[in-house]
N, C-alpha and C. Protein backbone atom coordinates (compact mmCIF):
# COMPACT_ATOMS: atom_id res chain seq x y z
N MET A 1 7.14 -37.04 -57.05
CA MET A 1 6.09 -36.25 -56.45
C MET A 1 6.66 -35.24 -55.47
N ASN A 2 7.83 -35.50 -54.96
CA ASN A 2 8.45 -34.61 -53.99
C ASN A 2 8.78 -33.25 -54.61
N SER A 3 9.17 -33.25 -55.88
CA SER A 3 9.52 -31.98 -56.53
C SER A 3 8.29 -31.12 -56.77
N LEU A 4 7.12 -31.74 -56.94
CA LEU A 4 5.89 -30.96 -57.13
C LEU A 4 5.59 -30.12 -55.89
N GLY A 5 5.84 -30.68 -54.72
CA GLY A 5 5.65 -29.92 -53.48
C GLY A 5 6.59 -28.74 -53.39
N LYS A 6 7.82 -28.92 -53.85
CA LYS A 6 8.79 -27.81 -53.86
C LYS A 6 8.31 -26.69 -54.76
N TYR A 7 7.77 -27.06 -55.92
CA TYR A 7 7.26 -26.04 -56.84
C TYR A 7 6.14 -25.23 -56.19
N PHE A 8 5.22 -25.91 -55.52
CA PHE A 8 4.12 -25.21 -54.87
C PHE A 8 4.61 -24.30 -53.75
N ILE A 9 5.60 -24.74 -53.01
CA ILE A 9 6.15 -23.89 -51.95
C ILE A 9 6.82 -22.66 -52.53
N ILE A 10 7.58 -22.82 -53.59
CA ILE A 10 8.27 -21.69 -54.22
C ILE A 10 7.26 -20.71 -54.82
N ILE A 11 6.27 -21.24 -55.53
CA ILE A 11 5.26 -20.37 -56.13
C ILE A 11 4.48 -19.62 -55.04
N GLY A 12 4.15 -20.31 -53.96
CA GLY A 12 3.45 -19.66 -52.85
C GLY A 12 4.28 -18.57 -52.20
N ALA A 13 5.58 -18.83 -52.05
CA ALA A 13 6.46 -17.82 -51.45
C ALA A 13 6.56 -16.59 -52.35
N VAL A 14 6.64 -16.79 -53.65
CA VAL A 14 6.71 -15.66 -54.58
C VAL A 14 5.42 -14.84 -54.52
N ILE A 15 4.28 -15.51 -54.51
CA ILE A 15 3.00 -14.80 -54.42
C ILE A 15 2.88 -14.05 -53.10
N LEU A 16 3.35 -14.66 -52.01
CA LEU A 16 3.32 -14.00 -50.71
C LEU A 16 4.18 -12.74 -50.70
N ILE A 17 5.37 -12.82 -51.26
CA ILE A 17 6.27 -11.67 -51.31
C ILE A 17 5.64 -10.54 -52.14
N ILE A 18 5.07 -10.89 -53.28
CA ILE A 18 4.43 -9.87 -54.11
C ILE A 18 3.26 -9.23 -53.37
N GLY A 19 2.47 -10.02 -52.66
CA GLY A 19 1.35 -9.49 -51.89
C GLY A 19 1.80 -8.55 -50.79
N VAL A 20 2.87 -8.91 -50.09
CA VAL A 20 3.40 -8.06 -49.02
C VAL A 20 3.92 -6.74 -49.58
N VAL A 21 4.62 -6.81 -50.70
CA VAL A 21 5.16 -5.59 -51.31
C VAL A 21 4.03 -4.65 -51.70
N PHE A 22 2.99 -5.17 -52.35
CA PHE A 22 1.89 -4.31 -52.77
C PHE A 22 1.06 -3.82 -51.59
N THR A 23 1.04 -4.56 -50.49
CA THR A 23 0.31 -4.11 -49.30
C THR A 23 1.08 -3.00 -48.58
N LEU A 24 2.38 -3.17 -48.45
CA LEU A 24 3.18 -2.19 -47.72
C LEU A 24 3.47 -0.94 -48.53
N PHE A 25 3.50 -1.07 -49.84
CA PHE A 25 3.80 0.06 -50.71
C PHE A 25 2.66 0.26 -51.71
N PRO A 26 1.55 0.83 -51.28
CA PRO A 26 0.40 0.98 -52.18
C PRO A 26 0.65 1.98 -53.31
N LYS A 27 1.69 2.76 -53.22
CA LYS A 27 1.99 3.72 -54.28
C LYS A 27 2.62 3.05 -55.50
N LEU A 28 2.81 1.74 -55.44
CA LEU A 28 3.34 1.01 -56.60
C LEU A 28 2.24 0.72 -57.60
N GLY A 29 1.30 1.60 -57.72
CA GLY A 29 0.18 1.42 -58.62
C GLY A 29 0.48 1.76 -60.06
N PHE A 30 1.75 1.80 -60.43
CA PHE A 30 2.08 2.13 -61.80
C PHE A 30 1.77 0.97 -62.75
N PHE A 31 1.60 -0.25 -62.20
CA PHE A 31 1.19 -1.35 -63.06
C PHE A 31 -0.22 -1.09 -63.54
N GLY A 32 -0.42 -1.22 -64.82
CA GLY A 32 -1.73 -0.95 -65.40
C GLY A 32 -1.85 0.45 -65.95
N ARG A 33 -0.90 1.28 -65.70
CA ARG A 33 -0.91 2.66 -66.23
C ARG A 33 0.42 2.99 -66.89
N LEU A 34 0.97 2.02 -67.59
CA LEU A 34 2.26 2.23 -68.27
C LEU A 34 2.02 2.84 -69.65
N PRO A 35 3.03 3.54 -70.17
CA PRO A 35 2.91 4.05 -71.54
C PRO A 35 2.77 2.88 -72.51
N GLY A 36 1.83 2.97 -73.40
CA GLY A 36 1.58 1.90 -74.35
C GLY A 36 0.33 1.10 -74.02
N ASP A 37 -0.18 1.24 -72.80
CA ASP A 37 -1.45 0.60 -72.46
C ASP A 37 -2.57 1.33 -73.19
N ILE A 38 -3.51 0.57 -73.72
CA ILE A 38 -4.57 1.14 -74.55
C ILE A 38 -5.76 1.52 -73.68
N GLU A 39 -6.20 2.76 -73.81
CA GLU A 39 -7.38 3.23 -73.08
C GLU A 39 -8.23 4.07 -74.02
N ILE A 40 -9.46 3.62 -74.23
CA ILE A 40 -10.40 4.32 -75.11
C ILE A 40 -11.60 4.73 -74.26
N LYS A 41 -11.86 6.03 -74.23
CA LYS A 41 -13.00 6.56 -73.47
C LYS A 41 -14.00 7.19 -74.44
N ARG A 42 -15.24 6.74 -74.31
CA ARG A 42 -16.34 7.32 -75.07
C ARG A 42 -17.37 7.83 -74.07
N ASP A 43 -18.53 8.20 -74.53
CA ASP A 43 -19.55 8.76 -73.67
C ASP A 43 -19.94 7.81 -72.53
N ASN A 44 -20.43 6.64 -72.86
CA ASN A 44 -20.87 5.68 -71.85
C ASN A 44 -20.03 4.41 -71.87
N PHE A 45 -18.83 4.49 -72.36
CA PHE A 45 -18.03 3.28 -72.57
C PHE A 45 -16.56 3.59 -72.34
N THR A 46 -15.89 2.71 -71.63
CA THR A 46 -14.45 2.82 -71.43
C THR A 46 -13.84 1.45 -71.68
N LEU A 47 -12.88 1.40 -72.57
CA LEU A 47 -12.15 0.17 -72.86
C LEU A 47 -10.71 0.39 -72.43
N TYR A 48 -10.22 -0.51 -71.60
CA TYR A 48 -8.85 -0.41 -71.12
C TYR A 48 -8.18 -1.75 -71.32
N PHE A 49 -7.10 -1.79 -72.08
CA PHE A 49 -6.36 -3.02 -72.31
C PHE A 49 -4.89 -2.76 -71.99
N PRO A 50 -4.40 -3.31 -70.87
CA PRO A 50 -3.03 -3.04 -70.45
C PRO A 50 -2.01 -3.94 -71.16
N ILE A 51 -1.78 -3.73 -72.44
CA ILE A 51 -0.92 -4.60 -73.24
C ILE A 51 0.53 -4.56 -72.74
N VAL A 52 1.07 -3.39 -72.46
CA VAL A 52 2.46 -3.29 -72.01
C VAL A 52 2.61 -3.89 -70.61
N THR A 53 1.63 -3.70 -69.76
CA THR A 53 1.67 -4.30 -68.43
C THR A 53 1.66 -5.82 -68.53
N CYS A 54 0.84 -6.37 -69.42
CA CYS A 54 0.80 -7.82 -69.62
C CYS A 54 2.13 -8.35 -70.11
N ILE A 55 2.77 -7.65 -71.03
CA ILE A 55 4.07 -8.07 -71.55
C ILE A 55 5.11 -8.02 -70.45
N LEU A 56 5.10 -6.96 -69.65
CA LEU A 56 6.06 -6.83 -68.56
C LEU A 56 5.89 -7.94 -67.52
N ILE A 57 4.67 -8.24 -67.16
CA ILE A 57 4.41 -9.32 -66.20
C ILE A 57 4.83 -10.66 -66.79
N SER A 58 4.58 -10.88 -68.06
CA SER A 58 4.97 -12.13 -68.71
C SER A 58 6.47 -12.32 -68.71
N VAL A 59 7.21 -11.26 -69.01
CA VAL A 59 8.67 -11.34 -69.00
C VAL A 59 9.19 -11.60 -67.59
N ALA A 60 8.62 -10.92 -66.61
CA ALA A 60 9.06 -11.12 -65.22
C ALA A 60 8.78 -12.54 -64.75
N LEU A 61 7.60 -13.07 -65.03
CA LEU A 61 7.27 -14.44 -64.62
C LEU A 61 8.14 -15.46 -65.35
N SER A 62 8.41 -15.22 -66.63
CA SER A 62 9.30 -16.13 -67.36
C SER A 62 10.69 -16.15 -66.75
N LEU A 63 11.19 -15.00 -66.36
CA LEU A 63 12.50 -14.93 -65.73
C LEU A 63 12.50 -15.63 -64.37
N ILE A 64 11.45 -15.42 -63.59
CA ILE A 64 11.36 -16.06 -62.27
C ILE A 64 11.33 -17.58 -62.41
N PHE A 65 10.49 -18.09 -63.33
CA PHE A 65 10.40 -19.53 -63.49
C PHE A 65 11.67 -20.12 -64.09
N TRP A 66 12.35 -19.38 -64.95
CA TRP A 66 13.62 -19.84 -65.49
C TRP A 66 14.67 -19.95 -64.37
N LEU A 67 14.71 -18.95 -63.49
CA LEU A 67 15.64 -19.01 -62.36
C LEU A 67 15.31 -20.15 -61.40
N ILE A 68 14.03 -20.36 -61.13
CA ILE A 68 13.62 -21.47 -60.27
C ILE A 68 14.06 -22.79 -60.88
N ASN A 69 13.82 -22.96 -62.17
CA ASN A 69 14.21 -24.18 -62.85
C ASN A 69 15.73 -24.36 -62.84
N LEU A 70 16.46 -23.27 -62.97
CA LEU A 70 17.92 -23.34 -62.97
C LEU A 70 18.45 -23.82 -61.60
N PHE A 71 17.87 -23.31 -60.52
CA PHE A 71 18.34 -23.68 -59.18
C PHE A 71 17.86 -25.07 -58.76
N ILE A 72 16.71 -25.50 -59.25
CA ILE A 72 16.20 -26.83 -58.88
C ILE A 72 17.01 -27.92 -59.58
N ARG A 73 17.44 -27.69 -60.78
CA ARG A 73 18.19 -28.70 -61.54
C ARG A 73 19.61 -28.90 -61.04
N LYS A 74 20.15 -27.94 -60.30
CA LYS A 74 21.54 -28.09 -59.81
C LYS A 74 21.63 -28.96 -58.62
């Protein structure tokens, strides 16, 4: 059960760092407007699906969790 607490502390620290970065640097709004994101505009309808942003976030989170797992196991 002790390792579960470590995971929560690490995840909380990562979320805190990301929140501070986005608060201090609001011009980092490029997430959600990357090339390859789908945006369809019609008269009374707008569909926006950030597929490339989702892939980028997924890769980044996978890398972060892989590194956390690597350091915890040592």
